[in-house]
N, C-alpha and C. Protein backbone atom coordinates (compact mmCIF):
# COMPACT_ATOMS: atom_id res chain seq x y z
N MET A 1 11.18 -3.96 1.44
CA MET A 1 10.22 -3.56 0.41
C MET A 1 10.34 -4.63 -0.71
N SER A 2 10.18 -5.82 -0.28
CA SER A 2 10.19 -6.94 -1.36
C SER A 2 8.70 -7.23 -1.88
N GLY A 3 8.65 -7.91 -2.91
CA GLY A 3 7.53 -8.35 -3.48
C GLY A 3 7.08 -9.77 -2.98
N GLU A 4 7.66 -10.21 -2.12
CA GLU A 4 7.40 -11.67 -1.70
C GLU A 4 6.74 -11.70 -0.35
N ARG A 5 5.78 -12.56 -0.18
CA ARG A 5 5.10 -12.74 1.15
C ARG A 5 5.93 -13.64 2.07
N THR A 6 5.88 -13.33 3.35
CA THR A 6 6.60 -14.20 4.23
C THR A 6 5.81 -15.46 4.60
N GLY A 7 4.51 -15.32 4.78
CA GLY A 7 3.61 -16.42 5.13
C GLY A 7 3.78 -16.89 6.48
N SER A 8 4.49 -16.07 7.28
CA SER A 8 4.77 -16.48 8.73
C SER A 8 3.63 -16.48 9.63
N GLY A 9 2.77 -15.48 9.37
CA GLY A 9 1.55 -15.34 10.18
C GLY A 9 1.92 -14.63 11.42
N GLU A 10 3.21 -14.21 11.66
CA GLU A 10 3.57 -13.45 12.96
C GLU A 10 2.91 -12.19 13.03
N ARG A 11 2.64 -11.57 14.15
CA ARG A 11 2.07 -10.25 14.35
C ARG A 11 2.87 -9.42 15.02
N THR A 12 2.76 -8.07 14.85
CA THR A 12 3.43 -7.06 15.52
C THR A 12 2.75 -6.88 16.88
N PRO A 13 3.41 -6.13 17.74
CA PRO A 13 2.82 -5.84 19.12
C PRO A 13 1.53 -5.22 18.88
N GLY A 14 1.17 -4.43 17.89
CA GLY A 14 -0.04 -3.83 17.73
C GLY A 14 -1.11 -4.61 17.08
N GLY A 15 -0.83 -5.94 16.84
CA GLY A 15 -1.77 -6.93 16.37
C GLY A 15 -1.84 -6.95 14.84
N LEU A 16 -0.96 -6.19 14.12
CA LEU A 16 -0.91 -6.35 12.66
C LEU A 16 -0.06 -7.41 12.29
N PRO A 17 -0.31 -8.05 11.09
CA PRO A 17 0.77 -9.11 10.55
C PRO A 17 2.11 -8.29 10.27
N GLU A 18 3.08 -8.91 10.10
CA GLU A 18 4.50 -8.29 10.04
C GLU A 18 4.54 -7.56 8.71
N THR A 19 3.76 -8.16 7.67
CA THR A 19 3.74 -7.45 6.38
C THR A 19 2.39 -7.07 6.02
N LEU A 20 2.21 -6.01 5.18
CA LEU A 20 1.03 -5.46 4.67
C LEU A 20 1.09 -5.35 3.29
N ASN A 21 0.01 -5.32 2.49
CA ASN A 21 -0.02 -4.97 0.97
C ASN A 21 -0.55 -3.63 0.85
N ILE A 22 0.05 -2.88 0.01
CA ILE A 22 -0.59 -1.74 -0.65
C ILE A 22 -0.92 -1.92 -2.09
N ASP A 23 -2.24 -2.08 -2.26
CA ASP A 23 -2.67 -2.36 -3.73
C ASP A 23 -2.84 -1.07 -4.42
N VAL A 24 -2.15 -0.82 -5.59
CA VAL A 24 -2.03 0.46 -6.13
C VAL A 24 -2.78 0.36 -7.60
N GLN A 25 -3.52 1.42 -7.86
CA GLN A 25 -4.16 1.54 -9.20
C GLN A 25 -3.68 2.92 -9.73
N MET A 26 -3.64 3.01 -10.98
CA MET A 26 -3.22 4.37 -11.58
C MET A 26 -4.45 4.97 -12.39
N TRP A 27 -4.53 6.24 -12.28
CA TRP A 27 -5.63 6.89 -13.06
C TRP A 27 -5.08 7.18 -14.53
N THR A 28 -5.65 6.76 -15.57
CA THR A 28 -5.26 7.11 -16.80
C THR A 28 -6.18 8.17 -17.41
N SER A 29 -5.79 9.30 -17.49
CA SER A 29 -6.62 10.47 -17.91
C SER A 29 -7.11 10.36 -19.38
N LEU A 30 -6.37 9.73 -20.23
CA LEU A 30 -6.78 9.56 -21.72
C LEU A 30 -8.05 8.63 -21.77
N ARG A 31 -8.11 7.62 -20.86
CA ARG A 31 -9.28 6.55 -20.87
C ARG A 31 -10.31 7.01 -19.74
N GLY A 32 -9.81 7.86 -18.91
CA GLY A 32 -10.73 8.31 -17.72
C GLY A 32 -11.09 7.22 -16.87
N ARG A 33 -10.14 6.35 -16.47
CA ARG A 33 -10.41 5.32 -15.64
C ARG A 33 -9.21 4.79 -14.87
N LEU A 34 -9.38 3.90 -13.89
CA LEU A 34 -8.26 3.36 -13.16
C LEU A 34 -7.81 1.95 -13.75
N HIS A 35 -6.57 1.70 -13.71
CA HIS A 35 -6.25 0.39 -14.05
C HIS A 35 -5.10 -0.17 -12.92
N ASP A 36 -5.14 -1.40 -12.85
CA ASP A 36 -4.35 -2.08 -11.84
C ASP A 36 -2.90 -1.79 -12.21
N PHE A 37 -2.11 -1.41 -11.09
CA PHE A 37 -0.84 -0.92 -11.38
C PHE A 37 0.25 -1.86 -10.68
N THR A 38 0.20 -1.96 -9.43
CA THR A 38 1.18 -2.88 -8.68
C THR A 38 0.62 -3.03 -7.27
N THR A 39 1.19 -4.05 -6.61
CA THR A 39 1.04 -4.21 -5.28
C THR A 39 2.38 -4.22 -4.53
N VAL A 40 2.49 -3.39 -3.57
CA VAL A 40 3.69 -3.25 -2.72
C VAL A 40 3.44 -3.97 -1.50
N VAL A 41 4.52 -4.83 -1.10
CA VAL A 41 4.46 -5.66 0.04
C VAL A 41 5.43 -4.92 0.98
N CYS A 42 4.94 -4.45 2.21
CA CYS A 42 5.88 -3.78 3.09
C CYS A 42 5.71 -4.14 4.54
N ASP A 43 6.64 -3.59 5.35
CA ASP A 43 6.68 -4.05 6.75
C ASP A 43 5.50 -3.16 7.38
N ALA A 44 4.81 -3.77 8.19
CA ALA A 44 3.74 -3.02 9.02
C ALA A 44 4.30 -1.96 9.79
N PRO A 45 3.61 -0.86 9.94
CA PRO A 45 4.11 0.21 10.82
C PRO A 45 4.00 -0.21 12.37
N ASP A 46 4.94 0.18 13.07
CA ASP A 46 5.02 -0.21 14.50
C ASP A 46 5.45 1.13 15.26
N PRO A 47 4.62 1.72 15.95
CA PRO A 47 3.29 1.33 16.28
C PRO A 47 2.23 1.52 15.19
N ALA A 48 1.14 0.84 15.13
CA ALA A 48 0.10 1.05 14.09
C ALA A 48 -0.45 2.40 14.20
N PRO A 49 -0.66 3.04 13.06
CA PRO A 49 -1.37 4.33 13.06
C PRO A 49 -2.74 4.26 13.82
N ARG A 50 -3.06 5.25 14.43
CA ARG A 50 -4.27 5.44 15.28
C ARG A 50 -5.40 5.87 14.43
N ASP A 51 -5.35 6.56 13.37
CA ASP A 51 -6.56 7.15 12.57
C ASP A 51 -6.19 7.08 11.17
N THR A 52 -7.15 7.50 10.35
CA THR A 52 -7.02 7.50 8.98
C THR A 52 -5.97 8.42 8.36
N ASP A 53 -5.74 9.64 9.08
CA ASP A 53 -4.71 10.43 8.68
C ASP A 53 -3.35 9.91 8.87
N GLU A 54 -3.22 9.28 9.91
CA GLU A 54 -1.81 8.61 10.22
C GLU A 54 -1.51 7.46 9.09
N TRP A 55 -2.48 6.64 8.87
CA TRP A 55 -2.57 5.59 7.89
C TRP A 55 -2.11 6.24 6.54
N HIS A 56 -2.80 7.34 6.10
CA HIS A 56 -2.54 7.96 4.89
C HIS A 56 -1.15 8.47 4.84
N ARG A 57 -0.60 9.12 5.88
CA ARG A 57 0.90 9.52 5.95
C ARG A 57 1.83 8.40 5.76
N TRP A 58 1.48 7.27 6.49
CA TRP A 58 2.41 6.14 6.33
C TRP A 58 2.39 5.49 4.92
N ALA A 59 1.27 5.40 4.41
CA ALA A 59 1.23 4.83 3.01
C ALA A 59 1.84 5.71 2.02
N THR A 60 1.56 6.91 2.00
CA THR A 60 2.14 7.76 1.09
C THR A 60 3.62 7.89 1.10
N GLU A 61 4.16 8.04 2.37
CA GLU A 61 5.58 8.01 2.54
C GLU A 61 6.28 6.67 1.94
N TYR A 62 5.54 5.55 2.25
CA TYR A 62 6.08 4.32 1.72
C TYR A 62 6.07 4.27 0.21
N LEU A 63 4.87 4.79 -0.37
CA LEU A 63 4.68 4.87 -1.86
C LEU A 63 5.73 5.77 -2.49
N GLN A 64 5.94 6.89 -1.86
CA GLN A 64 6.87 7.89 -2.36
C GLN A 64 8.35 7.26 -2.67
N VAL A 65 8.69 6.49 -1.69
CA VAL A 65 10.06 5.88 -1.78
C VAL A 65 10.13 4.81 -2.86
N VAL A 66 9.01 4.01 -2.91
CA VAL A 66 8.93 3.01 -4.04
C VAL A 66 8.86 3.69 -5.42
N ALA A 67 8.06 4.75 -5.51
CA ALA A 67 7.81 5.56 -6.82
C ALA A 67 9.11 6.14 -7.19
N GLU A 68 9.90 6.64 -6.29
CA GLU A 68 11.24 7.16 -6.73
C GLU A 68 12.14 6.09 -7.15
N GLN A 69 12.27 5.12 -6.46
CA GLN A 69 13.06 3.94 -6.74
C GLN A 69 12.81 3.28 -8.13
N ASP A 70 11.56 3.16 -8.39
CA ASP A 70 11.08 2.38 -9.46
C ASP A 70 10.75 3.23 -10.81
N GLY A 71 10.81 4.59 -10.63
CA GLY A 71 10.64 5.61 -11.79
C GLY A 71 9.18 5.74 -12.11
N TRP A 72 8.32 5.68 -11.16
CA TRP A 72 6.84 5.85 -11.63
C TRP A 72 6.65 7.22 -12.34
N GLN A 73 5.63 7.19 -13.17
CA GLN A 73 5.37 8.62 -13.74
C GLN A 73 4.38 9.42 -12.84
N PRO A 74 4.62 10.66 -12.87
CA PRO A 74 3.71 11.53 -12.05
C PRO A 74 2.33 11.30 -12.46
N GLY A 75 1.47 11.48 -11.46
CA GLY A 75 -0.09 11.36 -11.61
C GLY A 75 -0.74 11.03 -10.43
N ARG A 76 -2.03 10.54 -10.64
CA ARG A 76 -2.92 10.20 -9.53
C ARG A 76 -2.90 8.77 -9.40
N TYR A 77 -2.70 8.37 -8.28
CA TYR A 77 -2.81 6.93 -7.83
C TYR A 77 -3.84 6.70 -6.79
N TYR A 78 -4.57 5.59 -6.79
CA TYR A 78 -5.40 5.13 -5.88
C TYR A 78 -4.85 3.99 -5.17
N TYR A 79 -4.95 3.88 -3.86
CA TYR A 79 -4.27 2.73 -3.13
C TYR A 79 -5.22 2.34 -2.03
N ARG A 80 -4.99 1.05 -1.48
CA ARG A 80 -5.66 0.50 -0.55
C ARG A 80 -4.60 -0.30 0.28
N ALA A 81 -4.45 -0.08 1.55
CA ALA A 81 -3.65 -0.71 2.48
C ALA A 81 -4.54 -1.94 3.06
N GLU A 82 -3.89 -3.08 2.92
CA GLU A 82 -4.73 -4.19 3.33
C GLU A 82 -4.02 -5.38 3.93
N VAL A 83 -4.66 -6.25 4.63
CA VAL A 83 -4.01 -7.53 5.08
C VAL A 83 -4.58 -8.61 4.25
N ARG A 84 -3.63 -9.48 3.78
CA ARG A 84 -4.04 -10.69 2.95
C ARG A 84 -3.93 -11.86 3.79
N ASP A 85 -4.75 -12.96 3.33
CA ASP A 85 -4.56 -14.26 3.90
C ASP A 85 -3.44 -15.03 3.07
N GLU A 86 -3.22 -16.29 3.71
CA GLU A 86 -2.36 -17.05 3.08
C GLU A 86 -2.47 -17.44 1.64
N ALA A 87 -3.80 -17.37 1.22
CA ALA A 87 -4.16 -17.64 -0.26
C ALA A 87 -4.07 -16.29 -1.07
N ASP A 88 -3.53 -15.24 -0.44
CA ASP A 88 -3.29 -13.90 -1.17
C ASP A 88 -4.62 -13.13 -1.33
N ARG A 89 -5.64 -13.50 -0.63
CA ARG A 89 -6.96 -12.79 -0.80
C ARG A 89 -7.01 -11.63 0.22
N THR A 90 -7.71 -10.61 -0.10
CA THR A 90 -7.86 -9.47 0.84
C THR A 90 -8.70 -9.96 2.12
N GLU A 91 -8.06 -9.87 3.32
CA GLU A 91 -8.73 -10.30 4.43
C GLU A 91 -9.38 -9.00 5.17
N GLN A 92 -8.65 -7.97 5.20
CA GLN A 92 -9.01 -6.73 5.83
C GLN A 92 -8.48 -5.48 4.94
N VAL A 93 -9.45 -4.56 4.80
CA VAL A 93 -8.84 -3.25 4.28
C VAL A 93 -8.71 -2.25 5.46
N LEU A 94 -7.55 -1.77 5.58
CA LEU A 94 -7.07 -0.91 6.74
C LEU A 94 -7.43 0.45 6.39
N MET A 95 -7.26 0.99 5.17
CA MET A 95 -7.65 2.31 4.70
C MET A 95 -7.55 2.33 3.23
N GLN A 96 -8.21 3.27 2.56
CA GLN A 96 -7.94 3.58 1.19
C GLN A 96 -7.95 5.02 0.81
N ASN A 97 -7.28 5.37 -0.18
CA ASN A 97 -7.25 6.93 -0.38
C ASN A 97 -6.70 7.07 -1.81
N HIS A 98 -6.46 8.35 -2.15
CA HIS A 98 -5.74 8.65 -3.35
C HIS A 98 -4.53 9.53 -3.16
N TRP A 99 -3.59 9.51 -4.04
CA TRP A 99 -2.33 10.21 -3.81
C TRP A 99 -1.85 10.72 -5.12
N GLU A 100 -1.44 12.03 -5.07
CA GLU A 100 -0.84 12.59 -6.25
C GLU A 100 0.71 12.60 -6.23
N TYR A 101 1.15 11.86 -7.11
CA TYR A 101 2.62 11.63 -7.13
C TYR A 101 3.21 12.71 -8.07
N ARG A 102 4.13 13.55 -7.48
CA ARG A 102 4.86 14.46 -8.31
C ARG A 102 6.37 14.21 -8.11
N THR A 103 7.07 14.40 -9.25
CA THR A 103 8.63 14.24 -9.17
C THR A 103 9.25 15.48 -8.95
């Protein structure tokens, strides 16, 4: 769970890059909008999830660990699991959803 990209270009047996990004935004109720929060660089799931529900479970389990380690505040977070290119631009969005974090 490091914040660094490997840039290796290697792929898992399921065809995913070895690392994926989960781009996270946080809902601010006082302002009533989202703001950029963080990007989590993580190991790609192996095997790759088969559907949106499996992707959601994988992403929220990963985010739960990071949130507990980093002391995120409870609330609503929106996230997008994505593949990025070597220039760190979004190449493919694998899924997106929201997540209620509770401590």
